Amino acid sequence: MNVSGAAVTKAAKHKAEAVKLMEFMAAPEAQAWYAEANGEYPVVPGVPVGATLAAWGAFKADTLNLARLGELNADAARLMDRAGWK
């Protein structure tokens, strides 16, 4: 799964435009396009998915708190390095 996020910093020079972009990207029409173009499940409930994803079935969200992944990231990177993963 690809986990992405968006934010506007307080130092942003074009805050209103940045907020508009995020609102646009979260709109159902943009989510439908983005999900189809990238083969990803949309983040907006009710937005239809493409044929490939539909064949996989309904999205099943994991209950793991993503903060936990951050906590374990350094250990995971060390283990991958030790195993020779590239």
N, C-alpha and C. Protein backbone atom coordinates (compact mmCIF):
# COMPACT_ATOMS: atom_id res chain seq x y z
N MET A 1 0.84 -1.17 0.00
CA MET A 1 0.00 0.00 0.00
C MET A 1 0.88 1.23 0.00
N ASN A 2 0.48 2.21 -0.75
CA ASN A 2 1.18 3.49 -0.78
C ASN A 2 0.46 4.44 0.16
N VAL A 3 1.18 4.99 1.09
CA VAL A 3 0.60 5.94 2.04
C VAL A 3 1.14 7.32 1.71
N SER A 4 0.25 8.21 1.38
CA SER A 4 0.65 9.57 1.02
C SER A 4 -0.11 10.55 1.90
N GLY A 5 0.38 11.75 1.92
CA GLY A 5 -0.29 12.79 2.68
C GLY A 5 0.01 14.14 2.07
N ALA A 6 -0.71 15.13 2.51
CA ALA A 6 -0.49 16.50 2.04
C ALA A 6 -0.68 17.44 3.21
N ALA A 7 0.05 18.54 3.17
CA ALA A 7 -0.05 19.54 4.23
C ALA A 7 0.39 20.88 3.68
N VAL A 8 -0.02 21.91 4.35
CA VAL A 8 0.40 23.27 4.02
C VAL A 8 1.15 23.80 5.24
N THR A 9 2.39 24.20 5.04
CA THR A 9 3.16 24.73 6.17
C THR A 9 2.79 26.18 6.42
N LYS A 10 3.06 26.65 7.62
CA LYS A 10 2.75 28.05 7.92
C LYS A 10 3.64 29.00 7.13
N ALA A 11 4.71 28.51 6.54
CA ALA A 11 5.60 29.34 5.73
C ALA A 11 5.18 29.38 4.25
N ALA A 12 4.10 28.68 3.91
CA ALA A 12 3.67 28.63 2.51
C ALA A 12 3.34 30.03 2.00
N LYS A 13 3.85 30.34 0.81
CA LYS A 13 3.60 31.66 0.22
C LYS A 13 2.25 31.74 -0.46
N HIS A 14 1.69 30.60 -0.86
CA HIS A 14 0.43 30.57 -1.59
C HIS A 14 -0.53 29.61 -0.88
N LYS A 15 -0.82 29.90 0.38
CA LYS A 15 -1.61 29.01 1.21
C LYS A 15 -2.98 28.73 0.60
N ALA A 16 -3.69 29.76 0.16
CA ALA A 16 -5.04 29.57 -0.38
C ALA A 16 -5.01 28.65 -1.60
N GLU A 17 -4.02 28.81 -2.46
CA GLU A 17 -3.91 27.98 -3.64
C GLU A 17 -3.57 26.54 -3.27
N ALA A 18 -2.71 26.37 -2.27
CA ALA A 18 -2.35 25.03 -1.82
C ALA A 18 -3.56 24.30 -1.25
N VAL A 19 -4.35 25.01 -0.47
CA VAL A 19 -5.57 24.42 0.09
C VAL A 19 -6.53 24.04 -1.04
N LYS A 20 -6.67 24.90 -2.03
CA LYS A 20 -7.55 24.60 -3.17
C LYS A 20 -7.07 23.35 -3.91
N LEU A 21 -5.76 23.21 -4.07
CA LEU A 21 -5.22 22.03 -4.74
C LEU A 21 -5.56 20.76 -3.95
N MET A 22 -5.37 20.80 -2.65
CA MET A 22 -5.69 19.62 -1.83
C MET A 22 -7.18 19.31 -1.88
N GLU A 23 -8.02 20.34 -1.85
CA GLU A 23 -9.46 20.12 -1.94
C GLU A 23 -9.82 19.51 -3.29
N PHE A 24 -9.19 20.00 -4.36
CA PHE A 24 -9.43 19.45 -5.69
C PHE A 24 -9.03 17.98 -5.74
N MET A 25 -7.84 17.66 -5.23
CA MET A 25 -7.35 16.28 -5.29
C MET A 25 -8.20 15.32 -4.45
N ALA A 26 -8.91 15.84 -3.45
CA ALA A 26 -9.77 15.00 -2.61
C ALA A 26 -11.19 14.92 -3.14
N ALA A 27 -11.51 15.66 -4.19
CA ALA A 27 -12.86 15.64 -4.76
C ALA A 27 -13.10 14.30 -5.47
N PRO A 28 -14.32 13.82 -5.49
CA PRO A 28 -14.61 12.53 -6.12
C PRO A 28 -14.12 12.41 -7.56
N GLU A 29 -14.26 13.46 -8.36
CA GLU A 29 -13.84 13.38 -9.75
C GLU A 29 -12.33 13.17 -9.87
N ALA A 30 -11.57 13.92 -9.09
CA ALA A 30 -10.11 13.78 -9.12
C ALA A 30 -9.69 12.44 -8.54
N GLN A 31 -10.35 11.98 -7.50
CA GLN A 31 -10.02 10.69 -6.91
C GLN A 31 -10.27 9.56 -7.90
N ALA A 32 -11.36 9.64 -8.66
CA ALA A 32 -11.66 8.61 -9.65
C ALA A 32 -10.56 8.57 -10.70
N TRP A 33 -10.15 9.74 -11.20
CA TRP A 33 -9.09 9.79 -12.20
C TRP A 33 -7.78 9.28 -11.63
N TYR A 34 -7.40 9.78 -10.45
CA TYR A 34 -6.12 9.43 -9.85
C TYR A 34 -6.05 7.93 -9.54
N ALA A 35 -7.12 7.39 -9.01
CA ALA A 35 -7.15 5.96 -8.69
C ALA A 35 -7.01 5.12 -9.94
N GLU A 36 -7.69 5.51 -11.01
CA GLU A 36 -7.60 4.76 -12.27
C GLU A 36 -6.21 4.88 -12.87
N ALA A 37 -5.65 6.08 -12.88
CA ALA A 37 -4.34 6.31 -13.49
C ALA A 37 -3.23 5.59 -12.74
N ASN A 38 -3.36 5.44 -11.43
CA ASN A 38 -2.30 4.84 -10.61
C ASN A 38 -2.62 3.42 -10.15
N GLY A 39 -3.80 2.94 -10.46
CA GLY A 39 -4.16 1.60 -10.01
C GLY A 39 -4.24 1.51 -8.49
N GLU A 40 -4.75 2.57 -7.88
CA GLU A 40 -4.85 2.62 -6.43
C GLU A 40 -6.32 2.78 -6.01
N TYR A 41 -6.61 2.36 -4.81
CA TYR A 41 -7.94 2.59 -4.28
C TYR A 41 -8.08 4.08 -3.95
N PRO A 42 -9.21 4.68 -4.26
CA PRO A 42 -9.41 6.09 -3.91
C PRO A 42 -9.57 6.24 -2.40
N VAL A 43 -9.22 7.41 -1.90
CA VAL A 43 -9.35 7.66 -0.47
C VAL A 43 -10.74 8.16 -0.10
N VAL A 44 -11.51 8.55 -1.09
CA VAL A 44 -12.86 9.07 -0.85
C VAL A 44 -13.85 7.91 -0.96
N PRO A 45 -14.60 7.64 0.11
CA PRO A 45 -15.58 6.55 0.06
C PRO A 45 -16.61 6.79 -1.05
N GLY A 46 -16.99 5.70 -1.72
CA GLY A 46 -18.01 5.78 -2.75
C GLY A 46 -17.50 6.06 -4.14
N VAL A 47 -16.22 6.40 -4.28
CA VAL A 47 -15.65 6.64 -5.61
C VAL A 47 -15.40 5.27 -6.24
N PRO A 48 -15.91 5.06 -7.45
CA PRO A 48 -15.73 3.75 -8.09
C PRO A 48 -14.27 3.48 -8.43
N VAL A 49 -13.92 2.20 -8.41
CA VAL A 49 -12.56 1.78 -8.75
C VAL A 49 -12.54 1.19 -10.15
N GLY A 50 -11.35 1.10 -10.74
CA GLY A 50 -11.19 0.53 -12.06
C GLY A 50 -11.42 -0.98 -12.05
N ALA A 51 -11.43 -1.57 -13.24
CA ALA A 51 -11.75 -2.99 -13.39
C ALA A 51 -10.76 -3.89 -12.64
N THR A 52 -9.47 -3.57 -12.69
CA THR A 52 -8.48 -4.41 -12.02
C THR A 52 -8.71 -4.45 -10.52
N LEU A 53 -8.88 -3.27 -9.92
CA LEU A 53 -9.11 -3.23 -8.48
C LEU A 53 -10.45 -3.85 -8.11
N ALA A 54 -11.46 -3.65 -8.94
CA ALA A 54 -12.77 -4.24 -8.67
C ALA A 54 -12.66 -5.76 -8.63
N ALA A 55 -11.80 -6.32 -9.49
CA ALA A 55 -11.61 -7.77 -9.51
C ALA A 55 -10.95 -8.28 -8.23
N TRP A 56 -10.20 -7.42 -7.56
CA TRP A 56 -9.55 -7.82 -6.30
C TRP A 56 -10.52 -7.84 -5.13
N GLY A 57 -11.65 -7.16 -5.26
CA GLY A 57 -12.63 -7.11 -4.19
C GLY A 57 -12.57 -5.79 -3.44
N ALA A 58 -13.35 -5.71 -2.40
CA ALA A 58 -13.45 -4.49 -1.61
C ALA A 58 -12.15 -4.24 -0.85
N PHE A 59 -11.82 -2.97 -0.69
CA PHE A 59 -10.64 -2.58 0.07
C PHE A 59 -10.84 -2.93 1.54
N LYS A 60 -9.84 -3.53 2.14
CA LYS A 60 -9.89 -3.89 3.55
C LYS A 60 -8.82 -3.08 4.28
N ALA A 61 -9.24 -2.08 5.01
CA ALA A 61 -8.30 -1.21 5.72
C ALA A 61 -7.65 -1.96 6.88
N ASP A 62 -6.37 -1.72 7.06
CA ASP A 62 -5.63 -2.28 8.19
C ASP A 62 -5.89 -1.40 9.40
N THR A 63 -5.93 -1.98 10.55
CA THR A 63 -6.18 -1.21 11.77
C THR A 63 -4.89 -0.72 12.43
N LEU A 64 -3.74 -1.04 11.84
CA LEU A 64 -2.47 -0.62 12.40
C LEU A 64 -2.33 0.90 12.35
N ASN A 65 -1.94 1.50 13.44
CA ASN A 65 -1.70 2.94 13.48
C ASN A 65 -0.40 3.21 12.71
N LEU A 66 -0.46 4.10 11.71
CA LEU A 66 0.71 4.37 10.87
C LEU A 66 1.88 4.95 11.66
N ALA A 67 1.62 5.55 12.80
CA ALA A 67 2.71 6.06 13.62
C ALA A 67 3.63 4.90 14.04
N ARG A 68 3.07 3.73 14.21
CA ARG A 68 3.86 2.56 14.60
C ARG A 68 4.86 2.20 13.51
N LEU A 69 4.49 2.37 12.25
CA LEU A 69 5.43 2.10 11.16
C LEU A 69 6.64 3.02 11.25
N GLY A 70 6.40 4.27 11.57
CA GLY A 70 7.49 5.21 11.73
C GLY A 70 8.41 4.82 12.86
N GLU A 71 7.83 4.34 13.93
CA GLU A 71 8.62 3.92 15.09
C GLU A 71 9.54 2.75 14.74
N LEU A 72 9.08 1.88 13.85
CA LEU A 72 9.83 0.67 13.51
C LEU A 72 10.68 0.83 12.26
N ASN A 73 10.63 1.99 11.61
CA ASN A 73 11.31 2.17 10.33
C ASN A 73 12.82 1.96 10.42
N ALA A 74 13.47 2.52 11.41
CA ALA A 74 14.93 2.38 11.52
C ALA A 74 15.34 0.92 11.70
N ASP A 75 14.60 0.19 12.55
CA ASP A 75 14.90 -1.23 12.75
C ASP A 75 14.69 -2.01 11.45
N ALA A 76 13.62 -1.71 10.73
CA ALA A 76 13.34 -2.41 9.47
C ALA A 76 14.44 -2.14 8.46
N ALA A 77 14.90 -0.90 8.37
CA ALA A 77 15.97 -0.56 7.42
C ALA A 77 17.26 -1.31 7.76
N ARG A 78 17.58 -1.40 9.06
CA ARG A 78 18.78 -2.14 9.46
C ARG A 78 18.67 -3.62 9.11
N LEU A 79 17.49 -4.21 9.33
CA LEU A 79 17.30 -5.62 9.00
C LEU A 79 17.42 -5.86 7.49
N MET A 80 16.85 -4.98 6.69
CA MET A 80 16.95 -5.12 5.23
C MET A 80 18.41 -4.97 4.78
N ASP A 81 19.14 -4.04 5.39
CA ASP A 81 20.55 -3.86 5.04
C ASP A 81 21.34 -5.11 5.39
N ARG A 82 21.10 -5.63 6.58
CA ARG A 82 21.81 -6.82 7.03
C ARG A 82 21.51 -8.02 6.13
N ALA A 83 20.28 -8.10 5.60
CA ALA A 83 19.90 -9.20 4.73
C ALA A 83 20.37 -9.00 3.29
N GLY A 84 20.93 -7.83 2.99
CA GLY A 84 21.41 -7.56 1.64
C GLY A 84 20.32 -7.16 0.66
N TRP A 85 19.18 -6.72 1.15
CA TRP A 85 18.08 -6.33 0.28
C TRP A 85 18.41 -5.06 -0.46
N LYS A 86 18.14 -5.04 -1.74
CA LYS A 86 18.40 -3.85 -2.56
C LYS A 86 17.17 -3.48 -3.35
